[in-house]
mmCIF file of all heavy atoms, coordinates in Angstrom:
data_MODEL
# 
_entry.id   MODEL 
# 
loop_
_atom_site.group_PDB 
_atom_site.id 
_atom_site.type_symbol 
_atom_site.label_atom_id 
_atom_site.label_alt_id 
_atom_site.label_comp_id 
_atom_site.label_asym_id 
_atom_site.label_entity_id 
_atom_site.label_seq_id 
_atom_site.pdbx_PDB_ins_code 
_atom_site.Cartn_x 
_atom_site.Cartn_y 
_atom_site.Cartn_z 
_atom_site.occupancy 
_atom_site.B_iso_or_equiv 
_atom_site.pdbx_formal_charge 
_atom_site.auth_seq_id 
_atom_site.auth_comp_id 
_atom_site.auth_asym_id 
_atom_site.auth_atom_id 
_atom_site.pdbx_PDB_model_num 
ATOM 1   N N   . LYS A 1 1  ? -6.560  -19.665 12.235 1.00 0.00 ? 1  LYS A N   1 
ATOM 2   C CA  . LYS A 1 1  ? -6.592  -18.685 11.153 1.00 0.00 ? 1  LYS A CA  1 
ATOM 3   C C   . LYS A 1 1  ? -5.329  -18.768 10.300 1.00 0.00 ? 1  LYS A C   1 
ATOM 4   O O   . LYS A 1 1  ? -5.371  -18.587 9.078  1.00 0.00 ? 1  LYS A O   1 
ATOM 5   C CB  . LYS A 1 1  ? -6.780  -17.281 11.725 1.00 0.00 ? 1  LYS A CB  1 
ATOM 6   C CG  . LYS A 1 1  ? -8.161  -17.070 12.349 1.00 0.00 ? 1  LYS A CG  1 
ATOM 7   C CD  . LYS A 1 1  ? -8.346  -15.676 12.901 1.00 0.00 ? 1  LYS A CD  1 
ATOM 8   C CE  . LYS A 1 1  ? -9.727  -15.516 13.507 1.00 0.00 ? 1  LYS A CE  1 
ATOM 9   N NZ  . LYS A 1 1  ? -10.806 -15.544 12.502 1.00 0.00 ? 1  LYS A NZ  1 
ATOM 10  N N   . GLN A 1 2  ? -4.191  -19.029 10.937 1.00 0.00 ? 2  GLN A N   1 
ATOM 11  C CA  . GLN A 1 2  ? -2.940  -19.223 10.189 1.00 0.00 ? 2  GLN A CA  1 
ATOM 12  C C   . GLN A 1 2  ? -3.110  -20.344 9.171  1.00 0.00 ? 2  GLN A C   1 
ATOM 13  O O   . GLN A 1 2  ? -2.737  -20.208 7.997  1.00 0.00 ? 2  GLN A O   1 
ATOM 14  C CB  . GLN A 1 2  ? -1.792  -19.579 11.149 1.00 0.00 ? 2  GLN A CB  1 
ATOM 15  C CG  . GLN A 1 2  ? -1.429  -18.534 12.182 1.00 0.00 ? 2  GLN A CG  1 
ATOM 16  C CD  . GLN A 1 2  ? -0.591  -17.393 11.618 1.00 0.00 ? 2  GLN A CD  1 
ATOM 17  O OE1 . GLN A 1 2  ? -0.077  -17.452 10.502 1.00 0.00 ? 2  GLN A OE1 1 
ATOM 18  N NE2 . GLN A 1 2  ? -0.472  -16.328 12.399 1.00 0.00 ? 2  GLN A NE2 1 
ATOM 19  N N   . ALA A 1 3  ? -3.707  -21.454 9.624  1.00 0.00 ? 3  ALA A N   1 
ATOM 20  C CA  . ALA A 1 3  ? -3.870  -22.621 8.755  1.00 0.00 ? 3  ALA A CA  1 
ATOM 21  C C   . ALA A 1 3  ? -4.806  -22.313 7.581  1.00 0.00 ? 3  ALA A C   1 
ATOM 22  O O   . ALA A 1 3  ? -4.534  -22.704 6.441  1.00 0.00 ? 3  ALA A O   1 
ATOM 23  C CB  . ALA A 1 3  ? -4.409  -23.798 9.568  1.00 0.00 ? 3  ALA A CB  1 
ATOM 24  N N   . SER A 1 4  ? -5.905  -21.592 7.870  1.00 0.00 ? 4  SER A N   1 
ATOM 25  C CA  . SER A 1 4  ? -6.872  -21.267 6.809  1.00 0.00 ? 4  SER A CA  1 
ATOM 26  C C   . SER A 1 4  ? -6.258  -20.345 5.759  1.00 0.00 ? 4  SER A C   1 
ATOM 27  O O   . SER A 1 4  ? -6.419  -20.559 4.551  1.00 0.00 ? 4  SER A O   1 
ATOM 28  C CB  . SER A 1 4  ? -8.107  -20.602 7.413  1.00 0.00 ? 4  SER A CB  1 
ATOM 29  O OG  . SER A 1 4  ? -8.772  -21.470 8.288  1.00 0.00 ? 4  SER A OG  1 
ATOM 30  N N   . LEU A 1 5  ? -5.543  -19.324 6.212  1.00 0.00 ? 5  LEU A N   1 
ATOM 31  C CA  . LEU A 1 5  ? -4.926  -18.379 5.278  1.00 0.00 ? 5  LEU A CA  1 
ATOM 32  C C   . LEU A 1 5  ? -3.828  -19.061 4.457  1.00 0.00 ? 5  LEU A C   1 
ATOM 33  O O   . LEU A 1 5  ? -3.698  -18.817 3.257  1.00 0.00 ? 5  LEU A O   1 
ATOM 34  C CB  . LEU A 1 5  ? -4.349  -17.189 6.042  1.00 0.00 ? 5  LEU A CB  1 
ATOM 35  C CG  . LEU A 1 5  ? -5.378  -16.270 6.727  1.00 0.00 ? 5  LEU A CG  1 
ATOM 36  C CD1 . LEU A 1 5  ? -4.684  -15.254 7.620  1.00 0.00 ? 5  LEU A CD1 1 
ATOM 37  C CD2 . LEU A 1 5  ? -6.238  -15.551 5.687  1.00 0.00 ? 5  LEU A CD2 1 
ATOM 38  N N   . ALA A 1 6  ? -3.051  -19.937 5.117  1.00 0.00 ? 6  ALA A N   1 
ATOM 39  C CA  . ALA A 1 6  ? -1.986  -20.659 4.407  1.00 0.00 ? 6  ALA A CA  1 
ATOM 40  C C   . ALA A 1 6  ? -2.580  -21.597 3.366  1.00 0.00 ? 6  ALA A C   1 
ATOM 41  O O   . ALA A 1 6  ? -2.066  -21.711 2.241  1.00 0.00 ? 6  ALA A O   1 
ATOM 42  C CB  . ALA A 1 6  ? -1.128  -21.434 5.405  1.00 0.00 ? 6  ALA A CB  1 
ATOM 43  N N   . ALA A 1 7  ? -3.678  -22.258 3.726  1.00 0.00 ? 7  ALA A N   1 
ATOM 44  C CA  . ALA A 1 7  ? -4.328  -23.187 2.790  1.00 0.00 ? 7  ALA A CA  1 
ATOM 45  C C   . ALA A 1 7  ? -4.841  -22.455 1.558  1.00 0.00 ? 7  ALA A C   1 
ATOM 46  O O   . ALA A 1 7  ? -4.853  -23.005 0.452  1.00 0.00 ? 7  ALA A O   1 
ATOM 47  C CB  . ALA A 1 7  ? -5.474  -23.909 3.490  1.00 0.00 ? 7  ALA A CB  1 
ATOM 48  N N   . ASN A 1 8  ? -5.250  -21.197 1.735  1.00 0.00 ? 8  ASN A N   1 
ATOM 49  C CA  . ASN A 1 8  ? -5.741  -20.387 0.615  1.00 0.00 ? 8  ASN A CA  1 
ATOM 50  C C   . ASN A 1 8  ? -4.627  -19.607 -0.077 1.00 0.00 ? 8  ASN A C   1 
ATOM 51  O O   . ASN A 1 8  ? -4.904  -18.798 -0.972 1.00 0.00 ? 8  ASN A O   1 
ATOM 52  C CB  . ASN A 1 8  ? -6.816  -19.415 1.115  1.00 0.00 ? 8  ASN A CB  1 
ATOM 53  C CG  . ASN A 1 8  ? -8.096  -20.116 1.500  1.00 0.00 ? 8  ASN A CG  1 
ATOM 54  O OD1 . ASN A 1 8  ? -8.446  -21.151 0.945  1.00 0.00 ? 8  ASN A OD1 1 
ATOM 55  N ND2 . ASN A 1 8  ? -8.808  -19.569 2.470  1.00 0.00 ? 8  ASN A ND2 1 
ATOM 56  N N   . LYS A 1 9  ? -3.393  -19.823 0.388  1.00 0.00 ? 9  LYS A N   1 
ATOM 57  C CA  . LYS A 1 9  ? -2.203  -19.179 -0.200 1.00 0.00 ? 9  LYS A CA  1 
ATOM 58  C C   . LYS A 1 9  ? -2.355  -17.658 -0.244 1.00 0.00 ? 9  LYS A C   1 
ATOM 59  O O   . LYS A 1 9  ? -2.091  -17.012 -1.260 1.00 0.00 ? 9  LYS A O   1 
ATOM 60  C CB  . LYS A 1 9  ? -1.932  -19.736 -1.597 1.00 0.00 ? 9  LYS A CB  1 
ATOM 61  C CG  . LYS A 1 9  ? -1.643  -21.234 -1.597 1.00 0.00 ? 9  LYS A CG  1 
ATOM 62  C CD  . LYS A 1 9  ? -1.390  -21.771 -2.997 1.00 0.00 ? 9  LYS A CD  1 
ATOM 63  C CE  . LYS A 1 9  ? -1.106  -23.271 -2.954 1.00 0.00 ? 9  LYS A CE  1 
ATOM 64  N NZ  . LYS A 1 9  ? -0.904  -23.834 -4.309 1.00 0.00 ? 9  LYS A NZ  1 
ATOM 65  N N   . VAL A 1 10 ? -2.805  -17.108 0.867  1.00 0.00 ? 10 VAL A N   1 
ATOM 66  C CA  . VAL A 1 10 ? -3.036  -15.660 0.961  1.00 0.00 ? 10 VAL A CA  1 
ATOM 67  C C   . VAL A 1 10 ? -1.700  -14.940 1.105  1.00 0.00 ? 10 VAL A C   1 
ATOM 68  O O   . VAL A 1 10 ? -0.876  -15.296 1.954  1.00 0.00 ? 10 VAL A O   1 
ATOM 69  C CB  . VAL A 1 10 ? -3.956  -15.327 2.160  1.00 0.00 ? 10 VAL A CB  1 
ATOM 70  C CG1 . VAL A 1 10 ? -4.085  -13.817 2.330  1.00 0.00 ? 10 VAL A CG1 1 
ATOM 71  C CG2 . VAL A 1 10 ? -5.327  -15.960 1.958  1.00 0.00 ? 10 VAL A CG2 1 
ATOM 72  N N   . GLU A 1 11 ? -1.492  -13.929 0.280  1.00 0.00 ? 11 GLU A N   1 
ATOM 73  C CA  . GLU A 1 11 ? -0.263  -13.139 0.329  1.00 0.00 ? 11 GLU A CA  1 
ATOM 74  C C   . GLU A 1 11 ? -0.480  -11.901 1.203  1.00 0.00 ? 11 GLU A C   1 
ATOM 75  O O   . GLU A 1 11 ? -1.620  -11.446 1.375  1.00 0.00 ? 11 GLU A O   1 
ATOM 76  C CB  . GLU A 1 11 ? 0.128   -12.699 -1.091 1.00 0.00 ? 11 GLU A CB  1 
ATOM 77  C CG  . GLU A 1 11 ? 0.486   -13.846 -2.022 1.00 0.00 ? 11 GLU A CG  1 
ATOM 78  C CD  . GLU A 1 11 ? 1.756   -14.576 -1.589 1.00 0.00 ? 11 GLU A CD  1 
ATOM 79  O OE1 . GLU A 1 11 ? 2.650   -13.909 -1.013 1.00 0.00 ? 11 GLU A OE1 1 
ATOM 80  O OE2 . GLU A 1 11 ? 1.834   -15.805 -1.804 1.00 0.00 ? 11 GLU A OE2 1 
ATOM 81  N N   . PRO A 1 12 ? 0.602   -11.332 1.761  1.00 0.00 ? 12 PRO A N   1 
ATOM 82  C CA  . PRO A 1 12 ? 0.480   -10.055 2.483  1.00 0.00 ? 12 PRO A CA  1 
ATOM 83  C C   . PRO A 1 12 ? -0.189  -9.011  1.585  1.00 0.00 ? 12 PRO A C   1 
ATOM 84  O O   . PRO A 1 12 ? 0.116   -8.935  0.390  1.00 0.00 ? 12 PRO A O   1 
ATOM 85  C CB  . PRO A 1 12 ? 1.929   -9.696  2.801  1.00 0.00 ? 12 PRO A CB  1 
ATOM 86  C CG  . PRO A 1 12 ? 2.641   -11.013 2.859  1.00 0.00 ? 12 PRO A CG  1 
ATOM 87  C CD  . PRO A 1 12 ? 1.989   -11.861 1.804  1.00 0.00 ? 12 PRO A CD  1 
ATOM 88  N N   . GLN A 1 13 ? -1.087  -8.220  2.150  1.00 0.00 ? 13 GLN A N   1 
ATOM 89  C CA  . GLN A 1 13 ? -1.847  -7.278  1.334  1.00 0.00 ? 13 GLN A CA  1 
ATOM 90  C C   . GLN A 1 13 ? -2.584  -6.286  2.222  1.00 0.00 ? 13 GLN A C   1 
ATOM 91  O O   . GLN A 1 13 ? -2.676  -6.448  3.437  1.00 0.00 ? 13 GLN A O   1 
ATOM 92  C CB  . GLN A 1 13 ? -2.873  -8.039  0.479  1.00 0.00 ? 13 GLN A CB  1 
ATOM 93  C CG  . GLN A 1 13 ? -3.843  -8.868  1.310  1.00 0.00 ? 13 GLN A CG  1 
ATOM 94  C CD  . GLN A 1 13 ? -4.762  -9.725  0.461  1.00 0.00 ? 13 GLN A CD  1 
ATOM 95  O OE1 . GLN A 1 13 ? -5.768  -9.238  -0.055 1.00 0.00 ? 13 GLN A OE1 1 
ATOM 96  N NE2 . GLN A 1 13 ? -4.404  -11.008 0.297  1.00 0.00 ? 13 GLN A NE2 1 
ATOM 97  N N   . ASP A 1 14 ? -3.156  -5.249  1.575  1.00 0.00 ? 14 ASP A N   1 
ATOM 98  C CA  . ASP A 1 14 ? -4.055  -4.337  2.272  1.00 0.00 ? 14 ASP A CA  1 
ATOM 99  C C   . ASP A 1 14 ? -5.353  -5.073  2.555  1.00 0.00 ? 14 ASP A C   1 
ATOM 100 O O   . ASP A 1 14 ? -5.880  -5.771  1.675  1.00 0.00 ? 14 ASP A O   1 
ATOM 101 C CB  . ASP A 1 14 ? -4.345  -3.103  1.412  1.00 0.00 ? 14 ASP A CB  1 
ATOM 102 C CG  . ASP A 1 14 ? -3.128  -2.200  1.277  1.00 0.00 ? 14 ASP A CG  1 
ATOM 103 O OD1 . ASP A 1 14 ? -2.246  -2.270  2.152  1.00 0.00 ? 14 ASP A OD1 1 
ATOM 104 O OD2 . ASP A 1 14 ? -3.071  -1.427  0.305  1.00 0.00 ? 14 ASP A OD2 1 
ATOM 105 N N   . ILE A 1 15 ? -5.867  -4.921  3.760  1.00 0.00 ? 15 ILE A N   1 
ATOM 106 C CA  . ILE A 1 15 ? -7.080  -5.644  4.156  1.00 0.00 ? 15 ILE A CA  1 
ATOM 107 C C   . ILE A 1 15 ? -8.033  -4.716  4.909  1.00 0.00 ? 15 ILE A C   1 
ATOM 108 O O   . ILE A 1 15 ? -7.680  -3.597  5.283  1.00 0.00 ? 15 ILE A O   1 
ATOM 109 C CB  . ILE A 1 15 ? -6.759  -6.844  5.070  1.00 0.00 ? 15 ILE A CB  1 
ATOM 110 C CG1 . ILE A 1 15 ? -6.071  -6.356  6.365  1.00 0.00 ? 15 ILE A CG1 1 
ATOM 111 C CG2 . ILE A 1 15 ? -5.963  -7.907  4.358  1.00 0.00 ? 15 ILE A CG2 1 
ATOM 112 C CD1 . ILE A 1 15 ? -6.090  -7.370  7.490  1.00 0.00 ? 15 ILE A CD1 1 
ATOM 113 N N   . VAL A 1 16 ? -9.253  -5.214  5.117  1.00 0.00 ? 16 VAL A N   1 
ATOM 114 C CA  . VAL A 1 16 ? -10.167 -4.637  6.096  1.00 0.00 ? 16 VAL A CA  1 
ATOM 115 C C   . VAL A 1 16 ? -10.177 -5.604  7.280  1.00 0.00 ? 16 VAL A C   1 
ATOM 116 O O   . VAL A 1 16 ? -10.522 -6.783  7.122  1.00 0.00 ? 16 VAL A O   1 
ATOM 117 C CB  . VAL A 1 16 ? -11.583 -4.458  5.527  1.00 0.00 ? 16 VAL A CB  1 
ATOM 118 C CG1 . VAL A 1 16 ? -12.517 -3.919  6.613  1.00 0.00 ? 16 VAL A CG1 1 
ATOM 119 C CG2 . VAL A 1 16 ? -11.568 -3.523  4.333  1.00 0.00 ? 16 VAL A CG2 1 
ATOM 120 N N   . LEU A 1 17 ? -9.756  -5.124  8.414  1.00 0.00 ? 17 LEU A N   1 
ATOM 121 C CA  . LEU A 1 17 ? -9.725  -5.924  9.635  1.00 0.00 ? 17 LEU A CA  1 
ATOM 122 C C   . LEU A 1 17 ? -11.036 -5.723  10.392 1.00 0.00 ? 17 LEU A C   1 
ATOM 123 O O   . LEU A 1 17 ? -11.483 -4.589  10.578 1.00 0.00 ? 17 LEU A O   1 
ATOM 124 C CB  . LEU A 1 17 ? -8.543  -5.493  10.511 1.00 0.00 ? 17 LEU A CB  1 
ATOM 125 C CG  . LEU A 1 17 ? -8.513  -5.996  11.951 1.00 0.00 ? 17 LEU A CG  1 
ATOM 126 C CD1 . LEU A 1 17 ? -8.275  -7.502  11.991 1.00 0.00 ? 17 LEU A CD1 1 
ATOM 127 C CD2 . LEU A 1 17 ? -7.435  -5.261  12.755 1.00 0.00 ? 17 LEU A CD2 1 
ATOM 128 N N   . GLY A 1 18 ? -11.654 -6.808  10.813 1.00 0.00 ? 18 GLY A N   1 
ATOM 129 C CA  . GLY A 1 18 ? -12.891 -6.721  11.582 1.00 0.00 ? 18 GLY A CA  1 
ATOM 130 C C   . GLY A 1 18 ? -12.704 -7.295  12.977 1.00 0.00 ? 18 GLY A C   1 
ATOM 131 O O   . GLY A 1 18 ? -12.173 -8.396  13.124 1.00 0.00 ? 18 GLY A O   1 
ATOM 132 N N   . VAL A 1 19 ? -13.154 -6.542  13.991 1.00 0.00 ? 19 VAL A N   1 
ATOM 133 C CA  . VAL A 1 19 ? -13.120 -7.025  15.382 1.00 0.00 ? 19 VAL A CA  1 
ATOM 134 C C   . VAL A 1 19 ? -14.429 -6.606  16.053 1.00 0.00 ? 19 VAL A C   1 
ATOM 135 O O   . VAL A 1 19 ? -14.794 -5.429  16.015 1.00 0.00 ? 19 VAL A O   1 
ATOM 136 C CB  . VAL A 1 19 ? -11.930 -6.452  16.181 1.00 0.00 ? 19 VAL A CB  1 
ATOM 137 C CG1 . VAL A 1 19 ? -11.885 -7.084  17.576 1.00 0.00 ? 19 VAL A CG1 1 
ATOM 138 C CG2 . VAL A 1 19 ? -10.610 -6.671  15.454 1.00 0.00 ? 19 VAL A CG2 1 
ATOM 139 N N   . ARG A 1 20 ? -15.122 -7.553  16.646 1.00 0.00 ? 20 ARG A N   1 
ATOM 140 C CA  . ARG A 1 20 ? -16.390 -7.245  17.302 1.00 0.00 ? 20 ARG A CA  1 
ATOM 141 C C   . ARG A 1 20 ? -16.134 -6.448  18.585 1.00 0.00 ? 20 ARG A C   1 
ATOM 142 O O   . ARG A 1 20 ? -15.141 -6.682  19.290 1.00 0.00 ? 20 ARG A O   1 
ATOM 143 C CB  . ARG A 1 20 ? -17.163 -8.518  17.619 1.00 0.00 ? 20 ARG A CB  1 
ATOM 144 C CG  . ARG A 1 20 ? -17.564 -9.288  16.372 1.00 0.00 ? 20 ARG A CG  1 
ATOM 145 C CD  . ARG A 1 20 ? -18.647 -10.317 16.643 1.00 0.00 ? 20 ARG A CD  1 
ATOM 146 N NE  . ARG A 1 20 ? -18.978 -11.040 15.414 1.00 0.00 ? 20 ARG A NE  1 
ATOM 147 C CZ  . ARG A 1 20 ? -19.801 -10.598 14.473 1.00 0.00 ? 20 ARG A CZ  1 
ATOM 148 N NH1 . ARG A 1 20 ? -20.388 -9.424  14.632 1.00 0.00 ? 20 ARG A NH1 1 
ATOM 149 N NH2 . ARG A 1 20 ? -20.043 -11.309 13.391 1.00 0.00 ? 20 ARG A NH2 1 
ATOM 150 N N   . PRO A 1 21 ? -17.039 -5.498  18.919 1.00 0.00 ? 21 PRO A N   1 
ATOM 151 C CA  . PRO A 1 21 ? -16.853 -4.660  20.116 1.00 0.00 ? 21 PRO A CA  1 
ATOM 152 C C   . PRO A 1 21 ? -16.646 -5.462  21.394 1.00 0.00 ? 21 PRO A C   1 
ATOM 153 O O   . PRO A 1 21 ? -15.858 -5.073  22.259 1.00 0.00 ? 21 PRO A O   1 
ATOM 154 C CB  . PRO A 1 21 ? -18.153 -3.847  20.176 1.00 0.00 ? 21 PRO A CB  1 
ATOM 155 C CG  . PRO A 1 21 ? -18.591 -3.758  18.750 1.00 0.00 ? 21 PRO A CG  1 
ATOM 156 C CD  . PRO A 1 21 ? -18.221 -5.077  18.134 1.00 0.00 ? 21 PRO A CD  1 
ATOM 157 N N   . GLU A 1 22 ? -17.347 -6.604  21.513 1.00 0.00 ? 22 GLU A N   1 
ATOM 158 C CA  . GLU A 1 22 ? -17.231 -7.407  22.728 1.00 0.00 ? 22 GLU A CA  1 
ATOM 159 C C   . GLU A 1 22 ? -15.925 -8.186  22.797 1.00 0.00 ? 22 GLU A C   1 
ATOM 160 O O   . GLU A 1 22 ? -15.585 -8.753  23.842 1.00 0.00 ? 22 GLU A O   1 
ATOM 161 C CB  . GLU A 1 22 ? -18.427 -8.362  22.873 1.00 0.00 ? 22 GLU A CB  1 
ATOM 162 C CG  . GLU A 1 22 ? -18.641 -9.306  21.718 1.00 0.00 ? 22 GLU A CG  1 
ATOM 163 C CD  . GLU A 1 22 ? -19.582 -8.760  20.658 1.00 0.00 ? 22 GLU A CD  1 
ATOM 164 O OE1 . GLU A 1 22 ? -19.535 -7.540  20.374 1.00 0.00 ? 22 GLU A OE1 1 
ATOM 165 O OE2 . GLU A 1 22 ? -20.361 -9.557  20.100 1.00 0.00 ? 22 GLU A OE2 1 
ATOM 166 N N   . HIS A 1 23 ? -15.179 -8.229  21.693 1.00 0.00 ? 23 HIS A N   1 
ATOM 167 C CA  . HIS A 1 23 ? -13.904 -8.952  21.667 1.00 0.00 ? 23 HIS A CA  1 
ATOM 168 C C   . HIS A 1 23 ? -12.696 -8.032  21.856 1.00 0.00 ? 23 HIS A C   1 
ATOM 169 O O   . HIS A 1 23 ? -11.556 -8.502  21.870 1.00 0.00 ? 23 HIS A O   1 
ATOM 170 C CB  . HIS A 1 23 ? -13.754 -9.715  20.342 1.00 0.00 ? 23 HIS A CB  1 
ATOM 171 C CG  . HIS A 1 23 ? -14.738 -10.837 20.199 1.00 0.00 ? 23 HIS A CG  1 
ATOM 172 N ND1 . HIS A 1 23 ? -15.134 -11.348 18.972 1.00 0.00 ? 23 HIS A ND1 1 
ATOM 173 C CD2 . HIS A 1 23 ? -15.421 -11.542 21.138 1.00 0.00 ? 23 HIS A CD2 1 
ATOM 174 C CE1 . HIS A 1 23 ? -16.006 -12.319 19.155 1.00 0.00 ? 23 HIS A CE1 1 
ATOM 175 N NE2 . HIS A 1 23 ? -16.188 -12.464 20.461 1.00 0.00 ? 23 HIS A NE2 1 
ATOM 176 N N   . ILE A 1 24 ? -12.952 -6.729  21.968 1.00 0.00 ? 24 ILE A N   1 
ATOM 177 C CA  . ILE A 1 24 ? -11.853 -5.783  22.187 1.00 0.00 ? 24 ILE A CA  1 
ATOM 178 C C   . ILE A 1 24 ? -11.516 -5.730  23.680 1.00 0.00 ? 24 ILE A C   1 
ATOM 179 O O   . ILE A 1 24 ? -12.410 -5.751  24.534 1.00 0.00 ? 24 ILE A O   1 
ATOM 180 C CB  . ILE A 1 24 ? -12.233 -4.381  21.657 1.00 0.00 ? 24 ILE A CB  1 
ATOM 181 C CG1 . ILE A 1 24 ? -12.271 -4.417  20.121 1.00 0.00 ? 24 ILE A CG1 1 
ATOM 182 C CG2 . ILE A 1 24 ? -11.266 -3.321  22.141 1.00 0.00 ? 24 ILE A CG2 1 
ATOM 183 C CD1 . ILE A 1 24 ? -12.594 -3.098  19.476 1.00 0.00 ? 24 ILE A CD1 1 
ATOM 184 N N   . LEU A 1 25 ? -10.212 -5.700  23.977 1.00 0.00 ? 25 LEU A N   1 
ATOM 185 C CA  . LEU A 1 25 ? -9.727  -5.707  25.362 1.00 0.00 ? 25 LEU A CA  1 
ATOM 186 C C   . LEU A 1 25 ? -9.046  -4.385  25.684 1.00 0.00 ? 25 LEU A C   1 
ATOM 187 O O   . LEU A 1 25 ? -8.316  -3.836  24.852 1.00 0.00 ? 25 LEU A O   1 
ATOM 188 C CB  . LEU A 1 25 ? -8.720  -6.849  25.553 1.00 0.00 ? 25 LEU A CB  1 
ATOM 189 C CG  . LEU A 1 25 ? -9.173  -8.254  25.121 1.00 0.00 ? 25 LEU A CG  1 
ATOM 190 C CD1 . LEU A 1 25 ? -7.984  -9.214  25.171 1.00 0.00 ? 25 LEU A CD1 1 
ATOM 191 C CD2 . LEU A 1 25 ? -10.297 -8.751  26.016 1.00 0.00 ? 25 LEU A CD2 1 
ATOM 192 N N   . LEU A 1 26 ? -9.282  -3.874  26.863 1.00 0.00 ? 26 LEU A N   1 
ATOM 193 C CA  . LEU A 1 26 ? -8.547  -2.693  27.315 1.00 0.00 ? 26 LEU A CA  1 
ATOM 194 C C   . LEU A 1 26 ? -7.163  -3.126  27.786 1.00 0.00 ? 26 LEU A C   1 
ATOM 195 O O   . LEU A 1 26 ? -7.009  -4.139  28.470 1.00 0.00 ? 26 LEU A O   1 
ATOM 196 C CB  . LEU A 1 26 ? -9.303  -1.998  28.447 1.00 0.00 ? 26 LEU A CB  1 
ATOM 197 C CG  . LEU A 1 26 ? -10.683 -1.427  28.080 1.00 0.00 ? 26 LEU A CG  1 
ATOM 198 C CD1 . LEU A 1 26 ? -11.291 -0.699  29.272 1.00 0.00 ? 26 LEU A CD1 1 
ATOM 199 C CD2 . LEU A 1 26 ? -10.594 -0.490  26.883 1.00 0.00 ? 26 LEU A CD2 1 
ATOM 200 N N   . SER A 1 27 ? -6.147  -2.355  27.395 1.00 0.00 ? 27 SER A N   1 
ATOM 201 C CA  . SER A 1 27 ? -4.764  -2.721  27.718 1.00 0.00 ? 27 SER A CA  1 
ATOM 202 C C   . SER A 1 27 ? -3.909  -1.461  27.804 1.00 0.00 ? 27 SER A C   1 
ATOM 203 O O   . SER A 1 27 ? -4.056  -0.547  26.981 1.00 0.00 ? 27 SER A O   1 
ATOM 204 C CB  . SER A 1 27 ? -4.205  -3.658  26.634 1.00 0.00 ? 27 SER A CB  1 
ATOM 205 O OG  . SER A 1 27 ? -2.815  -3.828  26.774 1.00 0.00 ? 27 SER A OG  1 
ATOM 206 N N   . ASP A 1 28 ? -3.008  -1.426  28.782 1.00 0.00 ? 28 ASP A N   1 
ATOM 207 C CA  . ASP A 1 28 ? -2.124  -0.274  28.951 1.00 0.00 ? 28 ASP A CA  1 
ATOM 208 C C   . ASP A 1 28 ? -1.217  -0.073  27.740 1.00 0.00 ? 28 ASP A C   1 
ATOM 209 O O   . ASP A 1 28 ? -0.741  1.035   27.480 1.00 0.00 ? 28 ASP A O   1 
ATOM 210 C CB  . ASP A 1 28 ? -1.262  -0.439  30.205 1.00 0.00 ? 28 ASP A CB  1 
ATOM 211 C CG  . ASP A 1 28 ? -2.102  -0.375  31.480 1.00 0.00 ? 28 ASP A CG  1 
ATOM 212 O OD1 . ASP A 1 28 ? -3.212  0.187   31.404 1.00 0.00 ? 28 ASP A OD1 1 
ATOM 213 O OD2 . ASP A 1 28 ? -1.664  -0.906  32.515 1.00 0.00 ? 28 ASP A OD2 1 
# 
């Protein structure tokens, strides 16, 4: 993902972050 964003010259910005329910981990 670092490589893809760098290739598209993406700047820091407000975003919508997406994470699938099955990819979320429980953590202390």
